[in-house]
Amino acid sequence: MSSRQYRRLNRGGDRQANAALHRIVHTRLRFDPRTQDYYERRIKEGKTRREIVRCRKRYAAREVFHLVRSA
């Protein structure tokens, strides 16, 4: 059994926004060198792919929020 335990903070929310964040993160993992470097660094720290994607989604959400808010 894993020593890590996660709880989803909010099961509801905007499914289209979540799908967009999913696409952003997976596209960045394939094509963005900074995201690829981040992925490799976190893998070496012992993080799982799911944990890394979760962190990147939060990061992308903050970026998008600031872009939308300033517009």
PDB file of N, CA and C in Angstrom:
ATOM      1  N   MET A   1       0.835  -1.181   0.000  1.00  0.00           N
ATOM      2  CA  MET A   1       0.000   0.000   0.000  1.00  0.00           C
ATOM      3  C   MET A   1       0.882   1.248   0.000  1.00  0.00           C
ATOM      4  N   SER A   2       0.454   2.249  -0.721  1.00  0.00           N
ATOM      5  CA  SER A   2       1.219   3.482  -0.830  1.00  0.00           C
ATOM      6  C   SER A   2       1.131   4.290   0.459  1.00  0.00           C
ATOM      7  N   SER A   3       2.232   4.953   0.796  1.00  0.00           N
ATOM      8  CA  SER A   3       2.224   5.784   1.986  1.00  0.00           C
ATOM      9  C   SER A   3       1.598   7.147   1.714  1.00  0.00           C
ATOM     10  N   ARG A   4       1.296   7.421   0.466  1.00  0.00           N
ATOM     11  CA  ARG A   4       0.707   8.705   0.088  1.00  0.00           C
ATOM     12  C   ARG A   4      -0.813   8.601   0.068  1.00  0.00           C
ATOM     13  N   GLN A   5      -1.442   9.639   0.544  1.00  0.00           N
ATOM     14  CA  GLN A   5      -2.895   9.674   0.511  1.00  0.00           C
ATOM     15  C   GLN A   5      -3.321  11.033  -0.011  1.00  0.00           C
ATOM     16  N   TYR A   6      -4.170  11.032  -1.020  1.00  0.00           N
ATOM     17  CA  TYR A   6      -4.621  12.275  -1.617  1.00  0.00           C
ATOM     18  C   TYR A   6      -6.128  12.368  -1.531  1.00  0.00           C
ATOM     19  N   ARG A   7      -6.590  13.582  -1.362  1.00  0.00           N
ATOM     20  CA  ARG A   7      -8.023  13.835  -1.380  1.00  0.00           C
ATOM     21  C   ARG A   7      -8.291  14.851  -2.453  1.00  0.00           C
ATOM     22  N   ARG A   8      -9.282  14.578  -3.226  1.00  0.00           N
ATOM     23  CA  ARG A   8      -9.695  15.538  -4.227  1.00  0.00           C
ATOM     24  C   ARG A   8     -10.380  16.689  -3.517  1.00  0.00           C
ATOM     25  N   LEU A   9      -9.953  17.899  -3.819  1.00  0.00           N
ATOM     26  CA  LEU A   9     -10.503  19.035  -3.093  1.00  0.00           C
ATOM     27  C   LEU A   9     -11.931  19.333  -3.518  1.00  0.00           C
ATOM     28  N   ASN A  10     -12.204  19.243  -4.800  1.00  0.00           N
ATOM     29  CA  ASN A  10     -13.528  19.598  -5.288  1.00  0.00           C
ATOM     30  C   ASN A  10     -13.889  18.664  -6.434  1.00  0.00           C
ATOM     31  N   ARG A  11     -14.904  17.832  -6.225  1.00  0.00           N
ATOM     32  CA  ARG A  11     -15.290  16.885  -7.263  1.00  0.00           C
ATOM     33  C   ARG A  11     -16.091  17.553  -8.366  1.00  0.00           C
ATOM     34  N   GLY A  12     -16.644  18.702  -8.060  1.00  0.00           N
ATOM     35  CA  GLY A  12     -17.409  19.427  -9.062  1.00  0.00           C
ATOM     36  C   GLY A  12     -16.495  20.291  -9.897  1.00  0.00           C
ATOM     37  N   GLY A  13     -17.049  21.331 -10.462  1.00  0.00           N
ATOM     38  CA  GLY A  13     -16.215  22.263 -11.209  1.00  0.00           C
ATOM     39  C   GLY A  13     -16.519  22.228 -12.683  1.00  0.00           C
ATOM     40  N   ASP A  14     -15.782  23.013 -13.396  1.00  0.00           N
ATOM     41  CA  ASP A  14     -15.978  23.175 -14.830  1.00  0.00           C
ATOM     42  C   ASP A  14     -15.232  22.078 -15.581  1.00  0.00           C
ATOM     43  N   ARG A  15     -15.978  21.141 -16.142  1.00  0.00           N
ATOM     44  CA  ARG A  15     -15.356  20.006 -16.827  1.00  0.00           C
ATOM     45  C   ARG A  15     -14.612  20.439 -18.081  1.00  0.00           C
ATOM     46  N   GLN A  16     -15.132  21.442 -18.779  1.00  0.00           N
ATOM     47  CA  GLN A  16     -14.449  21.928 -19.978  1.00  0.00           C
ATOM     48  C   GLN A  16     -13.128  22.587 -19.620  1.00  0.00           C
ATOM     49  N   ALA A  17     -13.118  23.339 -18.525  1.00  0.00           N
ATOM     50  CA  ALA A  17     -11.872  23.973 -18.082  1.00  0.00           C
ATOM     51  C   ALA A  17     -10.857  22.909 -17.670  1.00  0.00           C
ATOM     52  N   ASN A  18     -11.321  21.888 -16.971  1.00  0.00           N
ATOM     53  CA  ASN A  18     -10.418  20.819 -16.562  1.00  0.00           C
ATOM     54  C   ASN A  18      -9.863  20.079 -17.781  1.00  0.00           C
ATOM     55  N   ALA A  19     -10.703  19.858 -18.781  1.00  0.00           N
ATOM     56  CA  ALA A  19     -10.249  19.195 -20.003  1.00  0.00           C
ATOM     57  C   ALA A  19      -9.221  20.056 -20.729  1.00  0.00           C
ATOM     58  N   ALA A  20      -9.426  21.371 -20.718  1.00  0.00           N
ATOM     59  CA  ALA A  20      -8.465  22.280 -21.351  1.00  0.00           C
ATOM     60  C   ALA A  20      -7.129  22.233 -20.617  1.00  0.00           C
ATOM     61  N   LEU A  21      -7.152  22.239 -19.285  1.00  0.00           N
ATOM     62  CA  LEU A  21      -5.908  22.142 -18.514  1.00  0.00           C
ATOM     63  C   LEU A  21      -5.200  20.821 -18.797  1.00  0.00           C
ATOM     64  N   HIS A  22      -5.969  19.754 -18.918  1.00  0.00           N
ATOM     65  CA  HIS A  22      -5.414  18.442 -19.245  1.00  0.00           C
ATOM     66  C   HIS A  22      -4.672  18.503 -20.581  1.00  0.00           C
ATOM     67  N   ARG A  23      -5.301  19.104 -21.584  1.00  0.00           N
ATOM     68  CA  ARG A  23      -4.665  19.218 -22.896  1.00  0.00           C
ATOM     69  C   ARG A  23      -3.410  20.074 -22.838  1.00  0.00           C
ATOM     70  N   ILE A  24      -3.482  21.186 -22.105  1.00  0.00           N
ATOM     71  CA  ILE A  24      -2.323  22.074 -21.981  1.00  0.00           C
ATOM     72  C   ILE A  24      -1.139  21.315 -21.398  1.00  0.00           C
ATOM     73  N   VAL A  25      -1.375  20.608 -20.303  1.00  0.00           N
ATOM     74  CA  VAL A  25      -0.279  19.919 -19.613  1.00  0.00           C
ATOM     75  C   VAL A  25       0.304  18.811 -20.474  1.00  0.00           C
ATOM     76  N   HIS A  26      -0.546  18.023 -21.103  1.00  0.00           N
ATOM     77  CA  HIS A  26      -0.028  16.911 -21.903  1.00  0.00           C
ATOM     78  C   HIS A  26       0.677  17.404 -23.166  1.00  0.00           C
ATOM     79  N   THR A  27       0.228  18.511 -23.719  1.00  0.00           N
ATOM     80  CA  THR A  27       0.922  19.089 -24.869  1.00  0.00           C
ATOM     81  C   THR A  27       2.283  19.625 -24.442  1.00  0.00           C
ATOM     82  N   ARG A  28       2.313  20.285 -23.293  1.00  0.00           N
ATOM     83  CA  ARG A  28       3.591  20.803 -22.792  1.00  0.00           C
ATOM     84  C   ARG A  28       4.560  19.672 -22.467  1.00  0.00           C
ATOM     85  N   LEU A  29       4.058  18.573 -21.928  1.00  0.00           N
ATOM     86  CA  LEU A  29       4.933  17.439 -21.630  1.00  0.00           C
ATOM     87  C   LEU A  29       5.572  16.886 -22.905  1.00  0.00           C
ATOM     88  N   ARG A  30       4.867  16.976 -24.016  1.00  0.00           N
ATOM     89  CA  ARG A  30       5.411  16.458 -25.281  1.00  0.00           C
ATOM     90  C   ARG A  30       6.343  17.434 -25.968  1.00  0.00           C
ATOM     91  N   PHE A  31       6.071  18.756 -25.871  1.00  0.00           N
ATOM     92  CA  PHE A  31       6.777  19.709 -26.722  1.00  0.00           C
ATOM     93  C   PHE A  31       7.563  20.800 -25.998  1.00  0.00           C
ATOM     94  N   ASP A  32       7.264  21.086 -24.748  1.00  0.00           N
ATOM     95  CA  ASP A  32       7.905  22.204 -24.056  1.00  0.00           C
ATOM     96  C   ASP A  32       9.135  21.726 -23.280  1.00  0.00           C
ATOM     97  N   PRO A  33      10.324  22.211 -23.651  1.00  0.00           N
ATOM     98  CA  PRO A  33      11.551  21.751 -22.970  1.00  0.00           C
ATOM     99  C   PRO A  33      11.561  22.054 -21.469  1.00  0.00           C
ATOM    100  N   ARG A  34      10.999  23.204 -21.053  1.00  0.00           N
ATOM    101  CA  ARG A  34      10.984  23.527 -19.619  1.00  0.00           C
ATOM    102  C   ARG A  34      10.140  22.522 -18.844  1.00  0.00           C
ATOM    103  N   THR A  35       8.994  22.161 -19.401  1.00  0.00           N
ATOM    104  CA  THR A  35       8.123  21.194 -18.727  1.00  0.00           C
ATOM    105  C   THR A  35       8.772  19.819 -18.714  1.00  0.00           C
ATOM    106  N   GLN A  36       9.449  19.454 -19.785  1.00  0.00           N
ATOM    107  CA  GLN A  36      10.142  18.168 -19.837  1.00  0.00           C
ATOM    108  C   GLN A  36      11.263  18.107 -18.799  1.00  0.00           C
ATOM    109  N   ASP A  37      11.996  19.215 -18.642  1.00  0.00           N
ATOM    110  CA  ASP A  37      13.054  19.269 -17.615  1.00  0.00           C
ATOM    111  C   ASP A  37      12.452  19.134 -16.221  1.00  0.00           C
ATOM    112  N   TYR A  38      11.330  19.827 -15.997  1.00  0.00           N
ATOM    113  CA  TYR A  38      10.633  19.749 -14.718  1.00  0.00           C
ATOM    114  C   TYR A  38      10.217  18.303 -14.443  1.00  0.00           C
ATOM    115  N   TYR A  39       9.666  17.642 -15.455  1.00  0.00           N
ATOM    116  CA  TYR A  39       9.209  16.250 -15.330  1.00  0.00           C
ATOM    117  C   TYR A  39      10.377  15.345 -14.925  1.00  0.00           C
ATOM    118  N   GLU A  40      11.495  15.477 -15.611  1.00  0.00           N
ATOM    119  CA  GLU A  40      12.659  14.635 -15.308  1.00  0.00           C
ATOM    120  C   GLU A  40      13.175  14.884 -13.895  1.00  0.00           C
ATOM    121  N   ARG A  41      13.206  16.152 -13.493  1.00  0.00           N
ATOM    122  CA  ARG A  41      13.680  16.496 -12.160  1.00  0.00           C
ATOM    123  C   ARG A  41      12.782  15.886 -11.079  1.00  0.00           C
ATOM    124  N   ARG A  42      11.483  15.966 -11.283  1.00  0.00           N
ATOM    125  CA  ARG A  42      10.545  15.433 -10.291  1.00  0.00           C
ATOM    126  C   ARG A  42      10.551  13.899 -10.255  1.00  0.00           C
ATOM    127  N   ILE A  43      10.751  13.268 -11.402  1.00  0.00           N
ATOM    128  CA  ILE A  43      10.856  11.799 -11.445  1.00  0.00           C
ATOM    129  C   ILE A  43      12.039  11.353 -10.592  1.00  0.00           C
ATOM    130  N   LYS A  44      13.158  12.074 -10.714  1.00  0.00           N
ATOM    131  CA  LYS A  44      14.346  11.742  -9.915  1.00  0.00           C
ATOM    132  C   LYS A  44      14.095  11.933  -8.423  1.00  0.00           C
ATOM    133  N   GLU A  45      13.159  12.824  -8.072  1.00  0.00           N
ATOM    134  CA  GLU A  45      12.796  13.037  -6.672  1.00  0.00           C
ATOM    135  C   GLU A  45      11.854  11.953  -6.148  1.00  0.00           C
ATOM    136  N   GLY A  46      11.377  11.088  -7.047  1.00  0.00           N
ATOM    137  CA  GLY A  46      10.506  10.003  -6.629  1.00  0.00           C
ATOM    138  C   GLY A  46       9.024  10.269  -6.815  1.00  0.00           C
ATOM    139  N   LYS A  47       8.676  11.348  -7.500  1.00  0.00           N
ATOM    140  CA  LYS A  47       7.268  11.656  -7.745  1.00  0.00           C
ATOM    141  C   LYS A  47       6.724  10.747  -8.855  1.00  0.00           C
ATOM    142  N   THR A  48       5.413  10.504  -8.807  1.00  0.00           N
ATOM    143  CA  THR A  48       4.775   9.716  -9.867  1.00  0.00           C
ATOM    144  C   THR A  48       4.315  10.647 -10.980  1.00  0.00           C
ATOM    145  N   ARG A  49       4.008  10.076 -12.134  1.00  0.00           N
ATOM    146  CA  ARG A  49       3.525  10.875 -13.261  1.00  0.00           C
ATOM    147  C   ARG A  49       2.243  11.613 -12.892  1.00  0.00           C
ATOM    148  N   ARG A  50       1.354  10.950 -12.168  1.00  0.00           N
ATOM    149  CA  ARG A  50       0.091  11.587 -11.774  1.00  0.00           C
ATOM    150  C   ARG A  50       0.331  12.790 -10.873  1.00  0.00           C
ATOM    151  N   GLU A  51       1.275  12.667  -9.952  1.00  0.00           N
ATOM    152  CA  GLU A  51       1.591  13.791  -9.064  1.00  0.00           C
ATOM    153  C   GLU A  51       2.151  14.963  -9.858  1.00  0.00           C
ATOM    154  N   ILE A  52       3.014  14.656 -10.811  1.00  0.00           N
ATOM    155  CA  ILE A  52       3.634  15.696 -11.628  1.00  0.00           C
ATOM    156  C   ILE A  52       2.584  16.400 -12.473  1.00  0.00           C
ATOM    157  N   VAL A  53       1.694  15.642 -13.077  1.00  0.00           N
ATOM    158  CA  VAL A  53       0.631  16.236 -13.903  1.00  0.00           C
ATOM    159  C   VAL A  53      -0.276  17.100 -13.033  1.00  0.00           C
ATOM    160  N   ARG A  54      -0.576  16.649 -11.815  1.00  0.00           N
ATOM    161  CA  ARG A  54      -1.411  17.432 -10.905  1.00  0.00           C
ATOM    162  C   ARG A  54      -0.756  18.782 -10.604  1.00  0.00           C
ATOM    163  N   CYS A  55       0.540  18.772 -10.345  1.00  0.00           N
ATOM    164  CA  CYS A  55       1.264  20.029 -10.073  1.00  0.00           C
ATOM    165  C   CYS A  55       1.263  20.940 -11.292  1.00  0.00           C
ATOM    166  N   ARG A  56       1.488  20.363 -12.450  1.00  0.00           N
ATOM    167  CA  ARG A  56       1.526  21.156 -13.684  1.00  0.00           C
ATOM    168  C   ARG A  56       0.157  21.732 -14.010  1.00  0.00           C
ATOM    169  N   LYS A  57      -0.914  21.007 -13.689  1.00  0.00           N
ATOM    170  CA  LYS A  57      -2.266  21.538 -13.916  1.00  0.00           C
ATOM    171  C   LYS A  57      -2.513  22.761 -13.046  1.00  0.00           C
ATOM    172  N   ARG A  58      -2.084  22.688 -11.792  1.00  0.00           N
ATOM    173  CA  ARG A  58      -2.241  23.852 -10.913  1.00  0.00           C
ATOM    174  C   ARG A  58      -1.445  25.034 -11.443  1.00  0.00           C
ATOM    175  N   TYR A  59      -0.237  24.784 -11.922  1.00  0.00           N
ATOM    176  CA  TYR A  59       0.609  25.837 -12.470  1.00  0.00           C
ATOM    177  C   TYR A  59      -0.046  26.457 -13.705  1.00  0.00           C
ATOM    178  N   ALA A  60      -0.551  25.609 -14.599  1.00  0.00           N
ATOM    179  CA  ALA A  60      -1.211  26.101 -15.816  1.00  0.00           C
ATOM    180  C   ALA A  60      -2.475  26.883 -15.462  1.00  0.00           C
ATOM    181  N   ALA A  61      -3.215  26.432 -14.463  1.00  0.00           N
ATOM    182  CA  ALA A  61      -4.431  27.137 -14.056  1.00  0.00           C
ATOM    183  C   ALA A  61      -4.098  28.543 -13.558  1.00  0.00           C
ATOM    184  N   ARG A  62      -3.018  28.682 -12.790  1.00  0.00           N
ATOM    185  CA  ARG A  62      -2.610  30.010 -12.330  1.00  0.00           C
ATOM    186  C   ARG A  62      -2.219  30.900 -13.505  1.00  0.00           C
ATOM    187  N   GLU A  63      -1.479  30.345 -14.463  1.00  0.00           N
ATOM    188  CA  GLU A  63      -1.079  31.116 -15.645  1.00  0.00           C
ATOM    189  C   GLU A  63      -2.299  31.604 -16.422  1.00  0.00           C
ATOM    190  N   VAL A  64      -3.225  30.695 -16.674  1.00  0.00           N
ATOM    191  CA  VAL A  64      -4.425  31.049 -17.445  1.00  0.00           C
ATOM    192  C   VAL A  64      -5.255  32.068 -16.676  1.00  0.00           C
ATOM    193  N   PHE A  65      -5.397  31.889 -15.374  1.00  0.00           N
ATOM    194  CA  PHE A  65      -6.168  32.826 -14.573  1.00  0.00           C
ATOM    195  C   PHE A  65      -5.608  34.235 -14.678  1.00  0.00           C
ATOM    196  N   HIS A  66      -4.287  34.366 -14.572  1.00  0.00           N
ATOM    197  CA  HIS A  66      -3.681  35.698 -14.661  1.00  0.00           C
ATOM    198  C   HIS A  66      -3.842  36.310 -16.052  1.00  0.00           C
ATOM    199  N   LEU A  67      -3.800  35.473 -17.083  1.00  0.00           N
ATOM    200  CA  LEU A  67      -4.013  35.981 -18.444  1.00  0.00           C
ATOM    201  C   LEU A  67      -5.448  36.470 -18.633  1.00  0.00           C
ATOM    202  N   VAL A  68      -6.401  35.706 -18.156  1.00  0.00           N
ATOM    203  CA  VAL A  68      -7.812  36.055 -18.294  1.00  0.00           C
ATOM    204  C   VAL A  68      -8.148  37.273 -17.442  1.00  0.00           C
ATOM    205  N   ARG A  69      -7.597  37.311 -16.238  1.00  0.00           N
ATOM    206  CA  ARG A  69      -7.886  38.407 -15.323  1.00  0.00           C
ATOM    207  C   ARG A  69      -7.369  39.749 -15.842  1.00  0.00           C
ATOM    208  N   SER A  70      -6.206  39.752 -16.483  1.00  0.00           N
ATOM    209  CA  SER A  70      -5.638  41.000 -16.981  1.00  0.00           C
ATOM    210  C   SER A  70      -6.317  41.469 -18.264  1.00  0.00           C
ATOM    211  N   ALA A  71      -7.033  40.588 -18.933  1.00  0.00           N
ATOM    212  CA  ALA A  71      -7.674  40.957 -20.208  1.00  0.00           C
ATOM    213  C   ALA A  71      -8.986  41.647 -20.041  1.00  0.00           C
TER     214      ALA A  71
END
